[in-house]
Amino acid sequence: MINDDERIALFLDYENLAIGARDGLGVVPFDFGPVADALAERGRVVARRAYADWSAFDDDRRLLARAQVELIEIPQRLGASRKNAADIKMAVDAIQLAFERGFITTFAIGTGDSDFTPLVHKLRELDKRVIGIGVQSSTSALLPPACDEFLFYDRLPGVEPTQQPRGARRRPRPYPAPATEPAPAAADAVAAVAEAADIADIADIPDPRPDEPAATTGDREVGPLVARTLAGLQRHADGAVLASRLKRAILRKDPTFDEADHGFRGFGELLRHLEQERVVALRSGSAQGDPEVTFPEDGSADGAAFRLLADVVHDLQATGSRPQLSGLKDQLRKRRPDFSEKRYGFNTFLSFAKAARARNVVAMEWDEDESDYLLHVPD
């Protein structure tokens, strides 16, 4: 049933995320899509709010508006701390929503700032599940242990860094063990509510440009979308993934999804077609007409893709060069033009290459001089 889904409220400390992604990953503007997809695999997002001085993020406003994110304006004022104002407003709004909307089961807090640790503790005291989201290089070591789950933006499927993360070349600091009995400063929270009563106004959300039609799943192949969503559900969900649950997750990612756009009369018919294509495997589910969906156990489709990768790497090695990960996907497509790692449930080519390494198909290590991964076929 749809009512069994987690109901998620998303709060973004946008300045922290955007600057962290820019400085740590070279991602400009901040790509909200991977965050939306990750949450869609976990439940239904019923509220999306982002807090910032939007005069500093003109390029981001329209992108967030198209993603149905409510923009909360935190204007820069003389003699006042903009950062503290944004933190207080966001914390107050989250606590208010927790009391006023009892049906919300999960709060997703997008920030790497340890100042939000008391907010996380308070939400958990209110029996809310808390998911943290932050850029690894700019996330405090205090925040992740306080959350029920923490998603590093760098690791989300679909995030494509244009530079090596700043913190990746040094040994990461170990996170402290989570406190068994967190003690948030309740008095400080009450004072913050009074101080932040009228800090910010809701920003005017710009309308999407009328000459930019929204893309639908009908414009792209459906197999990778199903495989990618199924892989995400298997990573983050307990138990079997039923067809009904899979379709709900796909609809949360793309509300325009319709199997009829791909020539199928129903979702079950689409899944049976993908089973014949060795993209998924179907088993009897707990209810008639709602089968369990998983990946083929024999891995025949994956095996062919891994063999293709090994062959390409081997041939490049034979020329006397050490193949780099950058540009390797183009080499695979020269041999198989329809190659896509998403067909096999991998969201990025790097994930596909790491899966090949885990199966000892290829060896891969980071090279400091090349600032890239170098691959070779093991002897």
Foldseek 3Di string as FASTA:
>chain_A
DQLVFAEEAEEAQPVQAQVLCCVFFVDPGDDCLLVLLLVLLRGFYPAAEYEDQCVVVVVCQLVVVVVVHFYWHQHDDPPDDSSVLRVLVRLLVVVVCVVVPVSHAEYEYEHQDCVCLLSLLVCVVSNHAYEYEHAVVSHDLARQLSHPYYHHPCPGQPDDGPAHGPPPVDDDDHRDHRDPRDDHDVVVSVVSCVVNVPRIDTDDRDDHDPVDDDDACLVDDCLLLLLQSQLSNVVPDPDFDKLVNSVSSSCSSPVRDDCVSVPDPDSVRVVVVVVVVQLWDWDPDPDPPITTIGHDPVCPVLVVVLVLLLVQQAVVVVVVDFDWPVPSVVSSCVVPVPDDPSSNNHSDVVSSVVVSVVVLQKPWDADPVVSTITIHRDD
